[in-house]
PDB file of N, CA and C in Angstrom:
ATOM      1  N   MET A   1       0.806  -1.184  -0.020  1.00  0.00           N
ATOM      2  CA  MET A   1       0.019   0.013   0.034  1.00  0.00           C
ATOM      3  C   MET A   1       0.882   1.261   0.025  1.00  0.00           C
ATOM      4  N   LEU A   2       0.447   2.119  -0.691  1.00  0.00           N
ATOM      5  CA  LEU A   2       1.239   3.502  -0.838  1.00  0.00           C
ATOM      6  C   LEU A   2       0.979   4.317   0.381  1.00  0.00           C
ATOM      7  N   SER A   3       2.082   4.860   0.919  1.00  0.00           N
ATOM      8  CA  SER A   3       1.908   5.867   1.893  1.00  0.00           C
ATOM      9  C   SER A   3       1.867   7.177   1.304  1.00  0.00           C
ATOM     10  N   TYR A   4       1.198   8.033   1.902  1.00  0.00           N
ATOM     11  CA  TYR A   4       1.083   9.452   1.404  1.00  0.00           C
ATOM     12  C   TYR A   4       2.500  10.174   1.537  1.00  0.00           C
ATOM     13  N   LEU A   5       3.142   9.791   2.672  1.00  0.00           N
ATOM     14  CA  LEU A   5       4.427  10.513   2.944  1.00  0.00           C
ATOM     15  C   LEU A   5       5.424  10.051   1.803  1.00  0.00           C
ATOM     16  N   MET A   6       5.341   8.813   1.344  1.00  0.00           N
ATOM     17  CA  MET A   6       6.316   8.289   0.348  1.00  0.00           C
ATOM     18  C   MET A   6       5.987   8.945  -0.956  1.00  0.00           C
ATOM     19  N   ILE A   7       4.719   9.116  -1.266  1.00  0.00           N
ATOM     20  CA  ILE A   7       4.397   9.651  -2.612  1.00  0.00           C
ATOM     21  C   ILE A   7       4.782  11.227  -2.554  1.00  0.00           C
ATOM     22  N   VAL A   8       4.618  11.984  -1.528  1.00  0.00           N
ATOM     23  CA  VAL A   8       4.954  13.394  -1.490  1.00  0.00           C
ATOM     24  C   VAL A   8       6.382  13.328  -1.536  1.00  0.00           C
ATOM     25  N   SER A   9       7.291  12.614  -0.843  1.00  0.00           N
ATOM     26  CA  SER A   9       8.598  12.677  -0.833  1.00  0.00           C
ATOM     27  C   SER A   9       9.315  12.396  -2.178  1.00  0.00           C
ATOM     28  N   THR A  10       8.735  11.269  -2.813  1.00  0.00           N
ATOM     29  CA  THR A  10       9.250  10.965  -4.120  1.00  0.00           C
ATOM     30  C   THR A  10       8.912  12.062  -5.195  1.00  0.00           C
ATOM     31  N   LEU A  11       7.862  12.614  -4.979  1.00  0.00           N
ATOM     32  CA  LEU A  11       7.419  13.847  -5.882  1.00  0.00           C
ATOM     33  C   LEU A  11       8.290  15.027  -5.643  1.00  0.00           C
ATOM     34  N   CYS A  12       8.522  15.254  -4.380  1.00  0.00           N
ATOM     35  CA  CYS A  12       9.451  16.465  -4.084  1.00  0.00           C
ATOM     36  C   CYS A  12      10.889  16.114  -4.606  1.00  0.00           C
ATOM     37  N   ILE A  13      11.303  14.916  -4.439  1.00  0.00           N
ATOM     38  CA  ILE A  13      12.755  14.593  -4.849  1.00  0.00           C
ATOM     39  C   ILE A  13      12.850  14.715  -6.344  1.00  0.00           C
ATOM     40  N   SER A  14      11.912  14.140  -7.057  1.00  0.00           N
ATOM     41  CA  SER A  14      11.771  14.338  -8.458  1.00  0.00           C
ATOM     42  C   SER A  14      11.717  15.816  -8.895  1.00  0.00           C
ATOM     43  N   TYR A  15      10.878  16.488  -8.231  1.00  0.00           N
ATOM     44  CA  TYR A  15      10.761  17.987  -8.645  1.00  0.00           C
ATOM     45  C   TYR A  15      12.171  18.688  -8.329  1.00  0.00           C
ATOM     46  N   LEU A  16      12.934  18.285  -7.413  1.00  0.00           N
ATOM     47  CA  LEU A  16      14.085  18.805  -7.086  1.00  0.00           C
ATOM     48  C   LEU A  16      15.091  18.504  -8.299  1.00  0.00           C
ATOM     49  N   ALA A  17      14.990  17.263  -8.615  1.00  0.00           N
ATOM     50  CA  ALA A  17      16.010  16.756  -9.745  1.00  0.00           C
ATOM     51  C   ALA A  17      15.595  17.519 -11.082  1.00  0.00           C
ATOM     52  N   PHE A  18      14.367  17.572 -11.375  1.00  0.00           N
ATOM     53  CA  PHE A  18      14.101  18.297 -12.699  1.00  0.00           C
ATOM     54  C   PHE A  18      14.281  19.815 -12.602  1.00  0.00           C
ATOM     55  N   GLY A  19      14.251  20.354 -11.381  1.00  0.00           N
ATOM     56  CA  GLY A  19      14.625  21.742 -11.218  1.00  0.00           C
ATOM     57  C   GLY A  19      16.177  21.937 -11.438  1.00  0.00           C
ATOM     58  N   CYS A  20      16.849  21.032 -10.902  1.00  0.00           N
ATOM     59  CA  CYS A  20      18.377  20.920 -11.078  1.00  0.00           C
ATOM     60  C   CYS A  20      18.693  20.917 -12.521  1.00  0.00           C
ATOM     61  N   LEU A  21      18.113  20.041 -13.109  1.00  0.00           N
ATOM     62  CA  LEU A  21      18.265  19.865 -14.695  1.00  0.00           C
ATOM     63  C   LEU A  21      17.808  21.141 -15.413  1.00  0.00           C
ATOM     64  N   ALA A  22      16.799  21.764 -14.958  1.00  0.00           N
ATOM     65  CA  ALA A  22      16.366  22.962 -15.750  1.00  0.00           C
ATOM     66  C   ALA A  22      17.340  23.981 -15.470  1.00  0.00           C
ATOM     67  N   LEU A  23      17.848  24.196 -14.248  1.00  0.00           N
ATOM     68  CA  LEU A  23      18.766  25.161 -13.959  1.00  0.00           C
ATOM     69  C   LEU A  23      20.212  25.102 -14.646  1.00  0.00           C
ATOM     70  N   ALA A  24      20.518  23.812 -15.009  1.00  0.00           N
ATOM     71  CA  ALA A  24      21.694  23.475 -15.646  1.00  0.00           C
ATOM     72  C   ALA A  24      21.685  24.210 -16.996  1.00  0.00           C
ATOM     73  N   MET A  25      20.550  24.642 -17.550  1.00  0.00           N
ATOM     74  CA  MET A  25      20.399  25.205 -18.764  1.00  0.00           C
ATOM     75  C   MET A  25      20.800  26.776 -18.684  1.00  0.00           C
ATOM     76  N   PHE A  26      21.412  27.236 -19.628  1.00  0.00           N
ATOM     77  CA  PHE A  26      21.748  28.718 -19.533  1.00  0.00           C
ATOM     78  C   PHE A  26      20.626  29.698 -19.394  1.00  0.00           C
ATOM     79  N   SER A  27      19.730  29.593 -20.239  1.00  0.00           N
ATOM     80  CA  SER A  27      18.520  30.444 -20.271  1.00  0.00           C
ATOM     81  C   SER A  27      17.622  30.435 -18.955  1.00  0.00           C
ATOM     82  N   ASN A  28      17.489  29.274 -18.473  1.00  0.00           N
ATOM     83  CA  ASN A  28      16.716  29.143 -17.243  1.00  0.00           C
ATOM     84  C   ASN A  28      17.494  29.765 -16.044  1.00  0.00           C
ATOM     85  N   PHE A  29      18.639  29.540 -15.976  1.00  0.00           N
ATOM     86  CA  PHE A  29      19.700  29.952 -14.930  1.00  0.00           C
ATOM     87  C   PHE A  29      19.642  31.471 -14.910  1.00  0.00           C
ATOM     88  N   ARG A  30      19.860  31.974 -16.128  1.00  0.00           N
ATOM     89  CA  ARG A  30      19.917  33.454 -16.239  1.00  0.00           C
ATOM     90  C   ARG A  30      18.588  34.111 -15.874  1.00  0.00           C
ATOM     91  N   ASP A  31      17.459  33.462 -16.243  1.00  0.00           N
ATOM     92  CA  ASP A  31      16.195  34.039 -15.997  1.00  0.00           C
ATOM     93  C   ASP A  31      15.887  34.170 -14.493  1.00  0.00           C
ATOM     94  N   ILE A  32      16.492  33.280 -13.700  1.00  0.00           N
ATOM     95  CA  ILE A  32      16.124  33.131 -12.363  1.00  0.00           C
ATOM     96  C   ILE A  32      17.230  33.991 -11.563  1.00  0.00           C
ATOM     97  N   PHE A  33      18.448  33.905 -11.825  1.00  0.00           N
ATOM     98  CA  PHE A  33      19.507  34.515 -11.092  1.00  0.00           C
ATOM     99  C   PHE A  33      20.165  35.795 -11.691  1.00  0.00           C
ATOM    100  N   LYS A  34      19.730  36.047 -12.802  1.00  0.00           N
ATOM    101  CA  LYS A  34      20.117  37.363 -13.502  1.00  0.00           C
ATOM    102  C   LYS A  34      21.663  37.316 -13.838  1.00  0.00           C
ATOM    103  N   GLN A  35      22.192  36.214 -13.934  1.00  0.00           N
ATOM    104  CA  GLN A  35      23.651  36.139 -14.409  1.00  0.00           C
ATOM    105  C   GLN A  35      23.743  34.755 -15.006  1.00  0.00           C
ATOM    106  N   ALA A  36      24.788  34.714 -15.837  1.00  0.00           N
ATOM    107  CA  ALA A  36      25.099  33.339 -16.679  1.00  0.00           C
ATOM    108  C   ALA A  36      25.746  32.365 -15.583  1.00  0.00           C
ATOM    109  N   PRO A  37      25.449  31.188 -15.712  1.00  0.00           N
ATOM    110  CA  PRO A  37      26.054  30.163 -14.879  1.00  0.00           C
ATOM    111  C   PRO A  37      27.518  29.830 -15.320  1.00  0.00           C
ATOM    112  N   THR A  38      28.465  29.622 -14.417  1.00  0.00           N
ATOM    113  CA  THR A  38      29.691  29.135 -14.712  1.00  0.00           C
ATOM    114  C   THR A  38      29.731  27.936 -15.244  1.00  0.00           C
ATOM    115  N   PRO A  39      30.716  27.325 -15.981  1.00  0.00           N
ATOM    116  CA  PRO A  39      30.714  25.896 -16.478  1.00  0.00           C
ATOM    117  C   PRO A  39      30.622  25.000 -15.283  1.00  0.00           C
ATOM    118  N   LEU A  40      31.314  25.280 -14.167  1.00  0.00           N
ATOM    119  CA  LEU A  40      31.120  24.337 -13.029  1.00  0.00           C
ATOM    120  C   LEU A  40      29.775  24.401 -12.392  1.00  0.00           C
ATOM    121  N   GLN A  41      29.142  25.492 -12.280  1.00  0.00           N
ATOM    122  CA  GLN A  41      27.735  25.465 -11.793  1.00  0.00           C
ATOM    123  C   GLN A  41      26.891  24.591 -12.775  1.00  0.00           C
ATOM    124  N   SER A  42      27.000  24.835 -13.921  1.00  0.00           N
ATOM    125  CA  SER A  42      26.192  24.182 -14.967  1.00  0.00           C
ATOM    126  C   SER A  42      26.364  22.591 -14.802  1.00  0.00           C
ATOM    127  N   ARG A  43      27.633  22.149 -14.830  1.00  0.00           N
ATOM    128  CA  ARG A  43      27.921  20.788 -14.741  1.00  0.00           C
ATOM    129  C   ARG A  43      27.355  20.138 -13.354  1.00  0.00           C
ATOM    130  N   SER A  44      27.600  20.942 -12.320  1.00  0.00           N
ATOM    131  CA  SER A  44      27.250  20.492 -10.890  1.00  0.00           C
ATOM    132  C   SER A  44      25.677  20.303 -10.848  1.00  0.00           C
ATOM    133  N   LEU A  45      24.983  21.280 -11.440  1.00  0.00           N
ATOM    134  CA  LEU A  45      23.537  21.183 -11.437  1.00  0.00           C
ATOM    135  C   LEU A  45      22.982  20.014 -12.273  1.00  0.00           C
ATOM    136  N   TYR A  46      23.800  19.873 -13.451  1.00  0.00           N
ATOM    137  CA  TYR A  46      23.501  18.685 -14.340  1.00  0.00           C
ATOM    138  C   TYR A  46      23.476  17.302 -13.619  1.00  0.00           C
ATOM    139  N   TRP A  47      24.611  17.140 -13.011  1.00  0.00           N
ATOM    140  CA  TRP A  47      24.969  15.831 -12.309  1.00  0.00           C
ATOM    141  C   TRP A  47      24.151  15.685 -11.074  1.00  0.00           C
ATOM    142  N   SER A  48      23.940  16.754 -10.383  1.00  0.00           N
ATOM    143  CA  SER A  48      23.072  16.601  -9.078  1.00  0.00           C
ATOM    144  C   SER A  48      21.754  16.347  -9.594  1.00  0.00           C
ATOM    145  N   GLY A  49      21.227  16.915 -10.627  1.00  0.00           N
ATOM    146  CA  GLY A  49      19.893  16.548 -11.202  1.00  0.00           C
ATOM    147  C   GLY A  49      19.701  15.023 -11.491  1.00  0.00           C
ATOM    148  N   TRP A  50      20.772  14.486 -12.218  1.00  0.00           N
ATOM    149  CA  TRP A  50      20.687  13.082 -12.540  1.00  0.00           C
ATOM    150  C   TRP A  50      20.870  12.147 -11.333  1.00  0.00           C
ATOM    151  N   LEU A  51      21.656  12.534 -10.442  1.00  0.00           N
ATOM    152  CA  LEU A  51      21.811  11.719  -9.167  1.00  0.00           C
ATOM    153  C   LEU A  51      20.644  11.663  -8.343  1.00  0.00           C
ATOM    154  N   THR A  52      19.918  12.828  -8.196  1.00  0.00           N
ATOM    155  CA  THR A  52      18.712  13.065  -7.473  1.00  0.00           C
ATOM    156  C   THR A  52      17.660  12.149  -8.175  1.00  0.00           C
ATOM    157  N   LEU A  53      17.652  12.206  -9.517  1.00  0.00           N
ATOM    158  CA  LEU A  53      16.610  11.319 -10.068  1.00  0.00           C
ATOM    159  C   LEU A  53      16.898   9.722  -9.846  1.00  0.00           C
ATOM    160  N   ALA A  54      18.295   9.476  -9.691  1.00  0.00           N
ATOM    161  CA  ALA A  54      18.639   8.062  -9.355  1.00  0.00           C
ATOM    162  C   ALA A  54      18.211   7.745  -7.952  1.00  0.00           C
ATOM    163  N   LEU A  55      18.301   8.729  -7.044  1.00  0.00           N
ATOM    164  CA  LEU A  55      17.893   8.443  -5.759  1.00  0.00           C
ATOM    165  C   LEU A  55      16.326   8.264  -5.645  1.00  0.00           C
ATOM    166  N   SER A  56      15.625   9.086  -6.446  1.00  0.00           N
ATOM    167  CA  SER A  56      14.200   8.990  -6.414  1.00  0.00           C
ATOM    168  C   SER A  56      13.840   7.591  -7.027  1.00  0.00           C
ATOM    169  N   TYR A  57      14.459   7.102  -8.015  1.00  0.00           N
ATOM    170  CA  TYR A  57      14.132   5.797  -8.647  1.00  0.00           C
ATOM    171  C   TYR A  57      14.468   4.657  -7.492  1.00  0.00           C
ATOM    172  N   TYR A  58      15.604   4.899  -6.844  1.00  0.00           N
ATOM    173  CA  TYR A  58      15.956   3.907  -5.819  1.00  0.00           C
ATOM    174  C   TYR A  58      14.938   3.805  -4.805  1.00  0.00           C
ATOM    175  N   LEU A  59      14.553   4.899  -4.232  1.00  0.00           N
ATOM    176  CA  LEU A  59      13.457   4.867  -3.182  1.00  0.00           C
ATOM    177  C   LEU A  59      12.226   4.327  -3.721  1.00  0.00           C
ATOM    178  N   SER A  60      11.833   4.492  -4.931  1.00  0.00           N
ATOM    179  CA  SER A  60      10.585   3.894  -5.467  1.00  0.00           C
ATOM    180  C   SER A  60      10.768   2.369  -5.527  1.00  0.00           C
ATOM    181  N   VAL A  61      11.833   1.980  -6.036  1.00  0.00           N
ATOM    182  CA  VAL A  61      12.055   0.508  -6.298  1.00  0.00           C
ATOM    183  C   VAL A  61      12.214  -0.187  -4.949  1.00  0.00           C
ATOM    184  N   SER A  62      12.905   0.347  -3.922  1.00  0.00           N
ATOM    185  CA  SER A  62      13.139  -0.286  -2.706  1.00  0.00           C
ATOM    186  C   SER A  62      11.841  -0.303  -1.936  1.00  0.00           C
ATOM    187  N   GLU A  63      11.053   0.625  -2.096  1.00  0.00           N
ATOM    188  CA  GLU A  63       9.646   0.588  -1.368  1.00  0.00           C
ATOM    189  C   GLU A  63       8.627  -0.364  -1.974  1.00  0.00           C
ATOM    190  N   HIS A  64       8.707  -0.513  -3.284  1.00  0.00           N
ATOM    191  CA  HIS A  64       7.600  -1.256  -3.960  1.00  0.00           C
ATOM    192  C   HIS A  64       8.026  -2.442  -4.844  1.00  0.00           C
ATOM    193  N   GLY A  65       9.289  -2.668  -4.923  1.00  0.00           N
ATOM    194  CA  GLY A  65       9.758  -3.631  -5.774  1.00  0.00           C
ATOM    195  C   GLY A  65      10.010  -3.103  -7.082  1.00  0.00           C
ATOM    196  N   MET A  66      10.682  -3.856  -8.008  1.00  0.00           N
ATOM    197  CA  MET A  66      11.250  -3.453  -9.257  1.00  0.00           C
ATOM    198  C   MET A  66       9.961  -3.131 -10.242  1.00  0.00           C
ATOM    199  N   ALA A  67       9.038  -4.065 -10.337  1.00  0.00           N
ATOM    200  CA  ALA A  67       7.877  -3.854 -11.381  1.00  0.00           C
ATOM    201  C   ALA A  67       6.996  -2.611 -10.886  1.00  0.00           C
ATOM    202  N   TYR A  68       6.463  -2.671  -9.769  1.00  0.00           N
ATOM    203  CA  TYR A  68       5.526  -1.639  -9.384  1.00  0.00           C
ATOM    204  C   TYR A  68       6.368  -0.392  -9.125  1.00  0.00           C
ATOM    205  N   GLY A  69       7.487  -0.422  -8.485  1.00  0.00           N
ATOM    206  CA  GLY A  69       8.322   0.769  -8.273  1.00  0.00           C
ATOM    207  C   GLY A  69       8.753   1.542  -9.465  1.00  0.00           C
ATOM    208  N   THR A  70       8.929   0.901 -10.614  1.00  0.00           N
ATOM    209  CA  THR A  70       9.329   1.443 -11.882  1.00  0.00           C
ATOM    210  C   THR A  70       7.957   2.299 -12.482  1.00  0.00           C
ATOM    211  N   ILE A  71       6.850   1.557 -12.329  1.00  0.00           N
ATOM    212  CA  ILE A  71       5.572   2.173 -12.772  1.00  0.00           C
ATOM    213  C   ILE A  71       5.288   3.402 -11.923  1.00  0.00           C
ATOM    214  N   PHE A  72       5.471   3.329 -10.680  1.00  0.00           N
ATOM    215  CA  PHE A  72       5.216   4.326  -9.756  1.00  0.00           C
ATOM    216  C   PHE A  72       6.230   5.585 -10.177  1.00  0.00           C
ATOM    217  N   PHE A  73       7.384   5.286 -10.289  1.00  0.00           N
ATOM    218  CA  PHE A  73       8.508   6.256 -10.580  1.00  0.00           C
ATOM    219  C   PHE A  73       8.081   6.956 -11.854  1.00  0.00           C
ATOM    220  N   THR A  74       7.720   6.325 -12.829  1.00  0.00           N
ATOM    221  CA  THR A  74       7.294   6.961 -14.110  1.00  0.00           C
ATOM    222  C   THR A  74       6.152   7.882 -13.982  1.00  0.00           C
ATOM    223  N   GLY A  75       5.181   7.422 -13.217  1.00  0.00           N
ATOM    224  CA  GLY A  75       4.077   8.483 -12.938  1.00  0.00           C
ATOM    225  C   GLY A  75       4.408   9.561 -12.155  1.00  0.00           C
ATOM    226  N   VAL A  76       5.360   9.478 -11.140  1.00  0.00           N
ATOM    227  CA  VAL A  76       5.770  10.621 -10.379  1.00  0.00           C
ATOM    228  C   VAL A  76       6.644  11.492 -11.209  1.00  0.00           C
ATOM    229  N   LEU A  77       7.456  10.958 -12.111  1.00  0.00           N
ATOM    230  CA  LEU A  77       8.230  11.763 -13.065  1.00  0.00           C
ATOM    231  C   LEU A  77       7.413  12.585 -13.864  1.00  0.00           C
ATOM    232  N   SER A  78       6.289  12.033 -14.407  1.00  0.00           N
ATOM    233  CA  SER A  78       5.407  12.925 -15.208  1.00  0.00           C
ATOM    234  C   SER A  78       4.712  14.163 -14.522  1.00  0.00           C
ATOM    235  N   VAL A  79       4.358  13.748 -13.280  1.00  0.00           N
ATOM    236  CA  VAL A  79       3.836  14.968 -12.508  1.00  0.00           C
ATOM    237  C   VAL A  79       4.847  15.870 -12.120  1.00  0.00           C
ATOM    238  N   ALA A  80       6.048  15.544 -11.780  1.00  0.00           N
ATOM    239  CA  ALA A  80       7.041  16.346 -11.380  1.00  0.00           C
ATOM    240  C   ALA A  80       7.563  17.228 -12.500  1.00  0.00           C
ATOM    241  N   GLY A  81       7.764  16.696 -13.586  1.00  0.00           N
ATOM    242  CA  GLY A  81       8.193  17.253 -14.864  1.00  0.00           C
ATOM    243  C   GLY A  81       7.038  18.411 -15.258  1.00  0.00           C
ATOM    244  N   LEU A  82       5.790  18.109 -15.216  1.00  0.00           N
ATOM    245  CA  LEU A  82       4.801  19.014 -15.563  1.00  0.00           C
ATOM    246  C   LEU A  82       4.826  20.172 -14.440  1.00  0.00           C
ATOM    247  N   LEU A  83       5.006  19.942 -13.204  1.00  0.00           N
ATOM    248  CA  LEU A  83       5.130  20.998 -12.380  1.00  0.00           C
ATOM    249  C   LEU A  83       6.220  21.923 -12.541  1.00  0.00           C
ATOM    250  N   VAL A  84       7.324  21.387 -12.950  1.00  0.00           N
ATOM    251  CA  VAL A  84       8.517  22.196 -13.178  1.00  0.00           C
ATOM    252  C   VAL A  84       8.292  23.001 -14.516  1.00  0.00           C
ATOM    253  N   ILE A  85       7.681  22.477 -15.425  1.00  0.00           N
ATOM    254  CA  ILE A  85       7.316  23.244 -16.675  1.00  0.00           C
ATOM    255  C   ILE A  85       6.344  24.320 -16.316  1.00  0.00           C
ATOM    256  N   LEU A  86       5.331  23.990 -15.534  1.00  0.00           N
ATOM    257  CA  LEU A  86       4.468  25.091 -15.159  1.00  0.00           C
ATOM    258  C   LEU A  86       5.015  26.207 -14.437  1.00  0.00           C
ATOM    259  N   THR A  87       5.962  25.832 -13.457  1.00  0.00           N
ATOM    260  CA  THR A  87       6.696  26.857 -12.688  1.00  0.00           C
ATOM    261  C   THR A  87       7.579  27.667 -13.618  1.00  0.00           C
ATOM    262  N   LEU A  88       8.304  27.142 -14.530  1.00  0.00           N
ATOM    263  CA  LEU A  88       9.128  27.842 -15.441  1.00  0.00           C
ATOM    264  C   LEU A  88       8.267  28.782 -16.374  1.00  0.00           C
ATOM    265  N   SER A  89       7.079  28.235 -16.688  1.00  0.00           N
ATOM    266  CA  SER A  89       6.217  29.040 -17.593  1.00  0.00           C
ATOM    267  C   SER A  89       5.619  30.292 -17.057  1.00  0.00           C
ATOM    268  N   TYR A  90       5.086  30.078 -15.701  1.00  0.00           N
ATOM    269  CA  TYR A  90       4.306  31.138 -15.146  1.00  0.00           C
ATOM    270  C   TYR A  90       4.881  31.867 -13.954  1.00  0.00           C
ATOM    271  N   ARG A  91       5.767  31.157 -13.218  1.00  0.00           N
ATOM    272  CA  ARG A  91       6.452  31.754 -11.988  1.00  0.00           C
ATOM    273  C   ARG A  91       8.020  31.447 -12.002  1.00  0.00           C
ATOM    274  N   THR A  92       8.673  31.871 -12.962  1.00  0.00           N
ATOM    275  CA  THR A  92      10.105  31.557 -13.206  1.00  0.00           C
ATOM    276  C   THR A  92      10.938  31.819 -11.859  1.00  0.00           C
ATOM    277  N   LYS A  93      10.714  32.922 -11.355  1.00  0.00           N
ATOM    278  CA  LYS A  93      11.644  33.226 -10.146  1.00  0.00           C
ATOM    279  C   LYS A  93      11.370  32.480  -8.952  1.00  0.00           C
ATOM    280  N   PHE A  94      10.211  31.768  -8.855  1.00  0.00           N
ATOM    281  CA  PHE A  94       9.849  30.958  -7.778  1.00  0.00           C
ATOM    282  C   PHE A  94      10.524  29.609  -7.865  1.00  0.00           C
ATOM    283  N   LEU A  95      11.089  29.190  -8.898  1.00  0.00           N
ATOM    284  CA  LEU A  95      11.629  27.842  -9.113  1.00  0.00           C
ATOM    285  C   LEU A  95      12.600  27.469  -7.913  1.00  0.00           C
ATOM    286  N   ALA A  96      13.542  28.410  -7.735  1.00  0.00           N
ATOM    287  CA  ALA A  96      14.639  28.136  -6.575  1.00  0.00           C
ATOM    288  C   ALA A  96      13.936  27.986  -5.230  1.00  0.00           C
ATOM    289  N   ILE A  97      12.947  28.783  -4.913  1.00  0.00           N
ATOM    290  CA  ILE A  97      12.154  28.732  -3.671  1.00  0.00           C
ATOM    291  C   ILE A  97      11.461  27.475  -3.571  1.00  0.00           C
ATOM    292  N   PHE A  98      10.801  27.111  -4.556  1.00  0.00           N
ATOM    293  CA  PHE A  98      10.063  25.834  -4.634  1.00  0.00           C
ATOM    294  C   PHE A  98      10.999  24.614  -4.436  1.00  0.00           C
ATOM    295  N   MET A  99      12.187  24.688  -5.042  1.00  0.00           N
ATOM    296  CA  MET A  99      13.130  23.714  -4.936  1.00  0.00           C
ATOM    297  C   MET A  99      13.629  23.514  -3.588  1.00  0.00           C
ATOM    298  N   VAL A 100      13.891  24.512  -2.775  1.00  0.00           N
ATOM    299  CA  VAL A 100      14.219  24.573  -1.481  1.00  0.00           C
ATOM    300  C   VAL A 100      13.106  23.887  -0.621  1.00  0.00           C
ATOM    301  N   SER A 101      11.872  24.369  -0.896  1.00  0.00           N
ATOM    302  CA  SER A 101      10.704  23.842  -0.220  1.00  0.00           C
ATOM    303  C   SER A 101      10.623  22.374  -0.462  1.00  0.00           C
ATOM    304  N   ALA A 102      10.807  21.898  -1.720  1.00  0.00           N
ATOM    305  CA  ALA A 102      10.695  20.436  -1.956  1.00  0.00           C
ATOM    306  C   ALA A 102      11.741  19.486  -1.153  1.00  0.00           C
ATOM    307  N   LEU A 103      12.976  20.198  -0.988  1.00  0.00           N
ATOM    308  CA  LEU A 103      14.053  19.595  -0.325  1.00  0.00           C
ATOM    309  C   LEU A 103      13.643  19.343   1.171  1.00  0.00           C
ATOM    310  N   VAL A 104      13.117  20.442   1.678  1.00  0.00           N
ATOM    311  CA  VAL A 104      12.679  20.359   3.158  1.00  0.00           C
ATOM    312  C   VAL A 104      11.618  19.411   3.297  1.00  0.00           C
ATOM    313  N   ALA A 105      10.541  19.446   2.405  1.00  0.00           N
ATOM    314  CA  ALA A 105       9.419  18.516   2.449  1.00  0.00           C
ATOM    315  C   ALA A 105       9.761  17.020   2.297  1.00  0.00           C
ATOM    316  N   SER A 106      10.750  16.760   1.566  1.00  0.00           N
ATOM    317  CA  SER A 106      11.169  15.294   1.262  1.00  0.00           C
ATOM    318  C   SER A 106      11.984  14.783   2.472  1.00  0.00           C
ATOM    319  N   GLN A 107      12.473  15.584   3.328  1.00  0.00           N
ATOM    320  CA  GLN A 107      13.203  15.026   4.369  1.00  0.00           C
ATOM    321  C   GLN A 107      12.365  14.011   5.432  1.00  0.00           C
ATOM    322  N   GLY A 108      11.144  14.428   5.429  1.00  0.00           N
ATOM    323  CA  GLY A 108      10.207  13.506   6.320  1.00  0.00           C
ATOM    324  C   GLY A 108      10.247  12.125   6.046  1.00  0.00           C
ATOM    325  N   TYR A 109      10.211  11.707   4.732  1.00  0.00           N
ATOM    326  CA  TYR A 109      10.347  10.306   4.421  1.00  0.00           C
ATOM    327  C   TYR A 109      11.574   9.771   4.560  1.00  0.00           C
ATOM    328  N   LEU A 110      12.747  10.575   4.215  1.00  0.00           N
ATOM    329  CA  LEU A 110      14.156  10.061   4.385  1.00  0.00           C
ATOM    330  C   LEU A 110      14.582   9.796   5.817  1.00  0.00           C
ATOM    331  N   ILE A 111      13.958  10.656   6.635  1.00  0.00           N
ATOM    332  CA  ILE A 111      14.294  10.562   8.090  1.00  0.00           C
ATOM    333  C   ILE A 111      13.529   9.429   8.650  1.00  0.00           C
ATOM    334  N   ALA A 112      12.227   9.198   8.198  1.00  0.00           N
ATOM    335  CA  ALA A 112      11.464   8.116   8.777  1.00  0.00           C
ATOM    336  C   ALA A 112      11.886   6.702   8.440  1.00  0.00           C
ATOM    337  N   THR A 113      12.606   6.628   7.361  1.00  0.00           N
ATOM    338  CA  THR A 113      13.090   5.263   6.784  1.00  0.00           C
ATOM    339  C   THR A 113      14.540   5.031   7.359  1.00  0.00           C
TER     340      THR A 113
END
């Protein structure tokens, strides 16, 4: 059975990962922070985004098994990607704030397990 804390935590971790991948792009970073990212910042955001996605996948699979965890992960990725796209489309400056909020919200499940 799915726990709501696990769903919210996986969604928040995926949102954080997609946010990092979006900030790794020059135009999104410039729109939010009003300066160009350095190559080190861009690479760091890129790899932290992918590692956070891997963490999200690991949590899904470890909680629900390989078959259902992968399906659950795919659904959560769809929702998190849509939320990042909507944030970038309508409230670009709030992406960094929402990412910090997602990081804080996801800690509940990580601490509980």
